[in-house]
C-alpha atoms as a PDB file:
ATOM      1  CA  MET A   1     -12.943  -0.345   3.700  1.00  0.00           C
ATOM      2  CA  ALA A   2     -13.093  -3.959   1.959  1.00  0.00           C
ATOM      3  CA  THR A   3     -10.026  -5.508   1.127  1.00  0.00           C
ATOM      4  CA  THR A   4      -9.277  -7.718  -1.930  1.00  0.00           C
ATOM      5  CA  LEU A   5      -6.856 -10.880  -1.091  1.00  0.00           C
ATOM      6  CA  TRP A   6      -3.939 -11.879  -3.444  1.00  0.00           C
ATOM      7  CA  ALA A   7      -6.030 -14.922  -4.262  1.00  0.00           C
ATOM      8  CA  SER A   8      -8.065 -12.890  -6.501  1.00  0.00           C
ATOM      9  CA  PHE A   9      -5.555 -12.075  -8.649  1.00  0.00           C
ATOM     10  CA  TYR A  10      -4.503 -15.503  -9.437  1.00  0.00           C
ATOM     11  CA  PRO A  11      -6.493 -16.121 -12.226  1.00  0.00           C
ATOM     12  CA  TYR A  12      -5.007 -13.377 -14.327  1.00  0.00           C
ATOM     13  CA  VAL A  13      -1.502 -14.556 -13.365  1.00  0.00           C
ATOM     14  CA  GLN A  14      -1.399 -18.381 -13.306  1.00  0.00           C
ATOM     15  CA  PRO A  15      -2.279 -18.940 -16.819  1.00  0.00           C
ATOM     16  CA  TYR A  16       0.981 -17.034 -17.946  1.00  0.00           C
ATOM     17  CA  VAL A  17       3.386 -18.919 -15.417  1.00  0.00           C
ATOM     18  CA  PRO A  18       2.302 -22.691 -15.327  1.00  0.00           C
ATOM     19  CA  GLY A  19       3.914 -24.504 -12.867  1.00  0.00           C
ATOM     20  CA  CYS A  20       4.514 -21.506 -10.417  1.00  0.00           C
ATOM     21  CA  PRO A  21       3.498 -22.105  -6.922  1.00  0.00           C
ATOM     22  CA  GLU A  22       1.075 -19.733  -5.693  1.00  0.00           C
ATOM     23  CA  ILE A  23       3.223 -18.581  -2.496  1.00  0.00           C
ATOM     24  CA  VAL A  24       5.742 -17.361  -5.063  1.00  0.00           C
ATOM     25  CA  ILE A  25       3.068 -15.782  -7.121  1.00  0.00           C
ATOM     26  CA  GLN A  26       1.851 -13.803  -4.077  1.00  0.00           C
ATOM     27  CA  SER A  27       5.028 -12.625  -3.353  1.00  0.00           C
ATOM     28  CA  HIS A  28       5.527 -11.000  -6.805  1.00  0.00           C
ATOM     29  CA  LEU A  29       2.036  -9.776  -6.539  1.00  0.00           C
ATOM     30  CA  GLN A  30       2.986  -7.969  -3.296  1.00  0.00           C
ATOM     31  CA  GLU A  31       5.927  -6.307  -4.940  1.00  0.00           C
ATOM     32  CA  SER A  32       3.888  -5.231  -8.065  1.00  0.00           C
ATOM     33  CA  ALA A  33       1.275  -3.740  -6.237  1.00  0.00           C
ATOM     34  CA  ALA A  34       3.707  -1.803  -3.651  1.00  0.00           C
ATOM     35  CA  GLU A  35       5.436  -0.314  -7.090  1.00  0.00           C
ATOM     36  CA  PHE A  36       2.177   0.480  -8.641  1.00  0.00           C
ATOM     37  CA  CYS A  37       0.767   2.417  -6.065  1.00  0.00           C
ATOM     38  CA  ALA A  38       4.119   4.271  -5.344  1.00  0.00           C
ATOM     39  CA  GLU A  39       4.210   5.164  -8.955  1.00  0.00           C
ATOM     40  CA  SER A  40       1.146   5.717  -9.905  1.00  0.00           C
ATOM     41  CA  GLU A  41       0.021   7.863  -6.689  1.00  0.00           C
ATOM     42  CA  VAL A  42      -3.475   6.239  -6.947  1.00  0.00           C
ATOM     43  CA  TRP A  43      -3.901   5.441  -3.112  1.00  0.00           C
ATOM     44  CA  ARG A  44      -4.034   9.078  -1.809  1.00  0.00           C
ATOM     45  CA  TYR A  45      -4.425   9.550   1.882  1.00  0.00           C
ATOM     46  CA  THR A  46      -6.037  12.417   3.838  1.00  0.00           C
ATOM     47  CA  ILE A  47      -3.391  13.974   6.523  1.00  0.00           C
ATOM     48  CA  GLU A  48      -5.898  15.321   8.882  1.00  0.00           C
ATOM     49  CA  PRO A  49      -4.984  18.336  10.925  1.00  0.00           C
ATOM     50  CA  ASP A  50      -2.265  17.870  13.498  1.00  0.00           C
ATOM     51  CA  TYR A  51      -0.281  20.191  16.047  1.00  0.00           C
ATOM     52  CA  THR A  52       3.308  20.824  16.559  1.00  0.00           C
ATOM     53  CA  SER A  53       5.241  21.899  19.892  1.00  0.00           C
ATOM     54  CA  SER A  54       8.091  24.052  20.133  1.00  0.00           C
ATOM     55  CA  GLY A  55      11.180  22.264  19.977  1.00  0.00           C
ATOM     56  CA  ASP A  56      10.100  19.435  18.243  1.00  0.00           C
ATOM     57  CA  SER A  57      10.737  18.640  14.355  1.00  0.00           C
ATOM     58  CA  ASP A  58       9.731  15.199  13.715  1.00  0.00           C
ATOM     59  CA  TYR A  59       6.116  14.300  13.659  1.00  0.00           C
ATOM     60  CA  GLU A  60       4.806  10.524  12.806  1.00  0.00           C
ATOM     61  CA  ILE A  61       1.965  10.327  10.230  1.00  0.00           C
ATOM     62  CA  ASP A  62      -0.696   7.880  11.678  1.00  0.00           C
ATOM     63  CA  VAL A  63      -1.276   5.969   8.406  1.00  0.00           C
ATOM     64  CA  THR A  64      -3.402   3.281   7.569  1.00  0.00           C
ATOM     65  CA  LYS A  65      -2.451  -0.268   9.033  1.00  0.00           C
ATOM     66  CA  GLY A  66      -0.651  -2.510   7.040  1.00  0.00           C
ATOM     67  CA  THR A  67       0.620   0.589   4.576  1.00  0.00           C
ATOM     68  CA  LEU A  68       3.618   2.825   3.984  1.00  0.00           C
ATOM     69  CA  LEU A  69       4.123   6.831   3.376  1.00  0.00           C
ATOM     70  CA  GLU A  70       5.473   6.742   0.050  1.00  0.00           C
ATOM     71  CA  ASN A  71       5.000  10.215  -0.629  1.00  0.00           C
ATOM     72  CA  ILE A  72       3.321  13.548   0.339  1.00  0.00           C
ATOM     73  CA  MET A  73       1.728  15.616  -2.452  1.00  0.00           C
ATOM     74  CA  TYR A  74       1.271  18.828  -0.303  1.00  0.00           C
ATOM     75  CA  LEU A  75       1.527  19.888   3.220  1.00  0.00           C
ATOM     76  CA  TYR A  76       0.050  22.952   4.930  1.00  0.00           C
ATOM     77  CA  LEU A  77       1.142  24.534   7.765  1.00  0.00           C
ATOM     78  CA  ASP A  78      -1.430  27.051   9.081  1.00  0.00           C
ATOM     79  CA  GLY A  79      -3.052  27.436   5.515  1.00  0.00           C
ATOM     80  CA  ASN A  80       0.093  28.065   4.191  1.00  0.00           C
ATOM     81  CA  MET A  81       1.610  25.409   1.732  1.00  0.00           C
ATOM     82  CA  MET A  82       5.190  24.173   2.841  1.00  0.00           C
ATOM     83  CA  GLN A  83       8.079  23.452   0.625  1.00  0.00           C
ATOM     84  CA  ARG A  84       9.408  19.776   0.436  1.00  0.00           C
ATOM     85  CA  VAL A  85      13.104  19.202   0.540  1.00  0.00           C
ATOM     86  CA  SER A  86      15.470  16.226   0.273  1.00  0.00           C
ATOM     87  CA  GLU A  87      17.036  15.820   3.912  1.00  0.00           C
ATOM     88  CA  ARG A  88      20.269  14.785   2.136  1.00  0.00           C
ATOM     89  CA  HIS A  89      20.495  18.014   0.229  1.00  0.00           C
ATOM     90  CA  PHE A  90      19.001  20.509   2.746  1.00  0.00           C
ATOM     91  CA  LYS A  91      21.071  22.130   5.592  1.00  0.00           C
ATOM     92  CA  PRO A  92      19.167  23.376   8.388  1.00  0.00           C
ATOM     93  CA  ALA A  93      20.267  26.527   9.945  1.00  0.00           C
ATOM     94  CA  THR A  94      21.645  26.247  13.492  1.00  0.00           C
ATOM     95  CA  ASN A  95      22.786  28.458  16.415  1.00  0.00           C
ATOM     96  CA  LYS A  96      26.546  28.591  17.036  1.00  0.00           C
ATOM     97  CA  ASP A  97      26.449  26.038  19.541  1.00  0.00           C
ATOM     98  CA  GLY A  98      24.790  23.586  16.894  1.00  0.00           C
ATOM     99  CA  THR A  99      21.107  23.588  18.231  1.00  0.00           C
ATOM    100  CA  ALA A 100      18.618  23.889  15.766  1.00  0.00           C
ATOM    101  CA  ILE A 101      17.244  27.387  15.353  1.00  0.00           C
ATOM    102  CA  LYS A 102      13.501  27.716  15.750  1.00  0.00           C
ATOM    103  CA  GLY A 103      10.908  29.573  14.090  1.00  0.00           C
ATOM    104  CA  THR A 104       7.745  28.939  11.821  1.00  0.00           C
ATOM    105  CA  PRO A 105       8.513  25.894   9.625  1.00  0.00           C
ATOM    106  CA  THR A 106       8.134  26.596   5.721  1.00  0.00           C
ATOM    107  CA  TYR A 107       9.974  23.395   4.333  1.00  0.00           C
ATOM    108  CA  PHE A 108       9.614  19.545   5.353  1.00  0.00           C
ATOM    109  CA  SER A 109      10.904  16.379   4.363  1.00  0.00           C
ATOM    110  CA  VAL A 110       9.545  12.573   4.412  1.00  0.00           C
ATOM    111  CA  LEU A 111      11.871  10.933   6.853  1.00  0.00           C
ATOM    112  CA  ASP A 112      11.007   7.488   6.749  1.00  0.00           C
ATOM    113  CA  ASP A 113       7.766   5.142   6.154  1.00  0.00           C
ATOM    114  CA  ASN A 114       5.684   7.373   8.335  1.00  0.00           C
ATOM    115  CA  SER A 115       6.959  10.382   9.807  1.00  0.00           C
ATOM    116  CA  ILE A 116       8.089  14.057   8.484  1.00  0.00           C
ATOM    117  CA  ARG A 117      10.592  16.633   9.601  1.00  0.00           C
ATOM    118  CA  LEU A 118       9.984  20.304   9.847  1.00  0.00           C
ATOM    119  CA  TYR A 119      12.258  23.306   9.083  1.00  0.00           C
ATOM    120  CA  PRO A 120      13.107  25.013  10.931  1.00  0.00           C
ATOM    121  CA  THR A 121      12.162  23.459  14.342  1.00  0.00           C
ATOM    122  CA  PRO A 122       8.581  24.861  15.108  1.00  0.00           C
ATOM    123  CA  ASP A 123       8.931  27.583  18.179  1.00  0.00           C
ATOM    124  CA  GLN A 124       5.282  27.194  18.785  1.00  0.00           C
ATOM    125  CA  LYS A 125       2.028  25.378  18.340  1.00  0.00           C
ATOM    126  CA  TYR A 126       1.022  25.332  14.568  1.00  0.00           C
ATOM    127  CA  THR A 127      -1.757  23.270  12.674  1.00  0.00           C
ATOM    128  CA  PHE A 128      -0.401  20.950   9.972  1.00  0.00           C
ATOM    129  CA  ASN A 129      -2.399  18.986   7.259  1.00  0.00           C
ATOM    130  CA  GLY A 130      -2.043  17.753   3.831  1.00  0.00           C
ATOM    131  CA  LEU A 131      -2.300  14.901   1.253  1.00  0.00           C
ATOM    132  CA  GLY A 132      -0.043  11.762   1.261  1.00  0.00           C
ATOM    133  CA  VAL A 133       0.624   8.809  -1.005  1.00  0.00           C
ATOM    134  CA  LEU A 134       0.302   5.164   0.512  1.00  0.00           C
ATOM    135  CA  LYS A 135       1.659   1.986  -0.704  1.00  0.00           C
ATOM    136  CA  PRO A 136       0.845  -1.855   0.657  1.00  0.00           C
ATOM    137  CA  LYS A 137       3.443  -3.246   2.873  1.00  0.00           C
ATOM    138  CA  LEU A 138       5.077  -6.413   1.517  1.00  0.00           C
ATOM    139  CA  SER A 139       3.503  -8.185   4.309  1.00  0.00           C
ATOM    140  CA  ALA A 140      -0.153  -7.103   3.163  1.00  0.00           C
ATOM    141  CA  THR A 141      -2.590  -9.553   2.681  1.00  0.00           C
ATOM    142  CA  GLY A 142      -4.057  -7.894  -0.175  1.00  0.00           C
ATOM    143  CA  VAL A 143      -5.113  -4.460  -1.596  1.00  0.00           C
ATOM    144  CA  GLU A 144      -8.036  -2.088  -1.125  1.00  0.00           C
ATOM    145  CA  SER A 145     -10.741  -3.310  -3.088  1.00  0.00           C
ATOM    146  CA  PHE A 146     -10.841  -0.039  -5.107  1.00  0.00           C
ATOM    147  CA  ILE A 147      -7.352  -0.647  -6.386  1.00  0.00           C
ATOM    148  CA  PHE A 148      -8.343  -4.295  -7.313  1.00  0.00           C
ATOM    149  CA  ASP A 149     -11.566  -3.300  -9.434  1.00  0.00           C
ATOM    150  CA  THR A 150      -9.375  -0.551 -11.369  1.00  0.00           C
ATOM    151  CA  HIS A 151      -6.082  -1.678 -11.419  1.00  0.00           C
ATOM    152  CA  GLY A 152      -5.824  -5.078 -10.576  1.00  0.00           C
ATOM    153  CA  ARG A 153      -4.845  -6.452 -14.188  1.00  0.00           C
ATOM    154  CA  ALA A 154      -2.030  -3.763 -14.046  1.00  0.00           C
ATOM    155  CA  ILE A 155      -0.838  -5.344 -10.832  1.00  0.00           C
ATOM    156  CA  ALA A 156      -1.318  -8.564 -12.456  1.00  0.00           C
ATOM    157  CA  ALA A 157       1.142  -7.666 -15.546  1.00  0.00           C
ATOM    158  CA  GLY A 158       3.694  -6.381 -13.097  1.00  0.00           C
ATOM    159  CA  ALA A 159       3.634  -9.798 -11.616  1.00  0.00           C
ATOM    160  CA  ILE A 160       3.774 -11.760 -14.850  1.00  0.00           C
ATOM    161  CA  ALA A 161       6.848  -9.467 -15.726  1.00  0.00           C
ATOM    162  CA  ARG A 162       8.602 -10.182 -12.680  1.00  0.00           C
ATOM    163  CA  LEU A 163       7.951 -14.040 -12.490  1.00  0.00           C
ATOM    164  CA  ALA A 164       8.777 -14.694 -16.105  1.00  0.00           C
ATOM    165  CA  GLU A 165      12.083 -12.966 -15.629  1.00  0.00           C
ATOM    166  CA  ILE A 166      13.200 -15.535 -13.094  1.00  0.00           C
ATOM    167  CA  PRO A 167      15.806 -18.075 -15.082  1.00  0.00           C
ATOM    168  CA  ASN A 168      15.431 -21.656 -15.302  1.00  0.00           C
ATOM    169  CA  LYS A 169      11.839 -21.977 -14.232  1.00  0.00           C
ATOM    170  CA  GLU A 170       9.653 -23.645 -16.322  1.00  0.00           C
ATOM    171  CA  TRP A 171       7.763 -20.563 -16.620  1.00  0.00           C
ATOM    172  CA  SER A 172      10.739 -18.413 -17.562  1.00  0.00           C
ATOM    173  CA  ASN A 173      10.000 -16.425 -20.666  1.00  0.00           C
ATOM    174  CA  PRO A 174      12.090 -13.200 -21.154  1.00  0.00           C
ATOM    175  CA  ASP A 175       9.764 -12.204 -24.164  1.00  0.00           C
ATOM    176  CA  LEU A 176       6.693 -12.556 -22.094  1.00  0.00           C
ATOM    177  CA  ALA A 177       8.498 -10.542 -19.401  1.00  0.00           C
ATOM    178  CA  MET A 178       9.126  -7.913 -21.822  1.00  0.00           C
ATOM    179  CA  GLN A 179       5.793  -7.911 -23.195  1.00  0.00           C
ATOM    180  CA  HIS A 180       4.021  -7.511 -19.616  1.00  0.00           C
ATOM    181  CA  ARG A 181       6.680  -5.266 -18.128  1.00  0.00           C
ATOM    182  CA  ILE A 182       5.951  -2.537 -21.041  1.00  0.00           C
ATOM    183  CA  ASP A 183       2.302  -3.090 -20.456  1.00  0.00           C
ATOM    184  CA  TYR A 184       2.802  -2.553 -16.608  1.00  0.00           C
ATOM    185  CA  GLU A 185       4.677   0.546 -17.057  1.00  0.00           C
ATOM    186  CA  ARG A 186       2.259   2.182 -19.591  1.00  0.00           C
ATOM    187  CA  LYS A 187      -0.641   1.218 -17.168  1.00  0.00           C
ATOM    188  CA  ILE A 188       1.283   3.128 -14.526  1.00  0.00           C
ATOM    189  CA  SER A 189       1.588   6.285 -16.636  1.00  0.00           C
ATOM    190  CA  ASN A 190      -1.996   6.020 -17.416  1.00  0.00           C
ATOM    191  CA  ALA A 191      -3.023   5.708 -14.003  1.00  0.00           C
ATOM    192  CA  LYS A 192      -1.011   8.495 -12.626  1.00  0.00           C
ATOM    193  CA  GLY A 193      -3.237  11.497 -11.864  1.00  0.00           C
ATOM    194  CA  ARG A 194      -6.352   9.836 -12.735  1.00  0.00           C
ATOM    195  CA  ASP A 195      -9.129   8.490 -10.591  1.00  0.00           C
ATOM    196  CA  THR A 196      -7.568   8.675  -6.961  1.00  0.00           C
ATOM    197  CA  ARG A 197      -9.339   7.351  -3.631  1.00  0.00           C
ATOM    198  CA  ARG A 198      -8.679   9.446  -0.192  1.00  0.00           C
ATOM    199  CA  VAL A 199      -8.433   7.382   2.796  1.00  0.00           C
ATOM    200  CA  ASN A 200      -8.595   9.552   6.128  1.00  0.00           C
ATOM    201  CA  LEU A 201      -8.075   8.581   9.602  1.00  0.00           C
ATOM    202  CA  ARG A 202     -11.643   7.947  10.528  1.00  0.00           C
ATOM    203  CA  VAL A 203     -11.895   4.953   8.181  1.00  0.00           C
ATOM    204  CA  ALA A 204     -10.588   1.746   9.278  1.00  0.00           C
ATOM    205  CA  SER A 205      -8.679  -0.598   6.960  1.00  0.00           C
ATOM    206  CA  VAL A 206      -9.562  -4.224   7.059  1.00  0.00           C
ATOM    207  CA  GLY A 207      -7.520  -6.975   6.430  1.00  0.00           C
ATOM    208  CA  PHE A 208      -3.857  -6.089   6.316  1.00  0.00           C
ATOM    209  CA  ALA A 209      -1.299  -7.365   8.217  1.00  0.00           C
ATOM    210  CA  ASP A 210       1.388  -5.701   9.993  1.00  0.00           C
END
């Protein structure tokens, strides 16, 4: 899929923060894009069918290069929807010797940026698939072009808000920061649940850095 580099955002940001170095603008665009994608859930990712194995509870999701797995909207096991739980608040059942009880998983949690854990630990081979939400890494060189085309102004507004909040700079402007923060949050709210784009494992993303 096509990638739009951060430089394409500069015309929407630079007029509001005169004198701000481009490298600083880029870093705040990266943060704004990551937050926007995480909160709005506009970048959805098809988790194609994969298989469990007996005794293994943790599984890596092979997300698009240069991205992180922010959330999983739903996950199915052999066609049955699983329930998401927080690992911090969910205590898996164990045997008397402390080992995990095996069975048919009905719960899952998102462990980190690209893996999940199933509960109980699978006792055999099952098929799981679902739909996840991606966000770009802070090291990404840009965003997918469909995000720029639809939400570029929103991401720019988030960057302006961050930059204008920096104290003691020639571009510091608390009022401007507040104005663009409100606009940014409103656009996140409007984008959530609207147009989405699914990306599956057969589509190679171009231009992202690890």
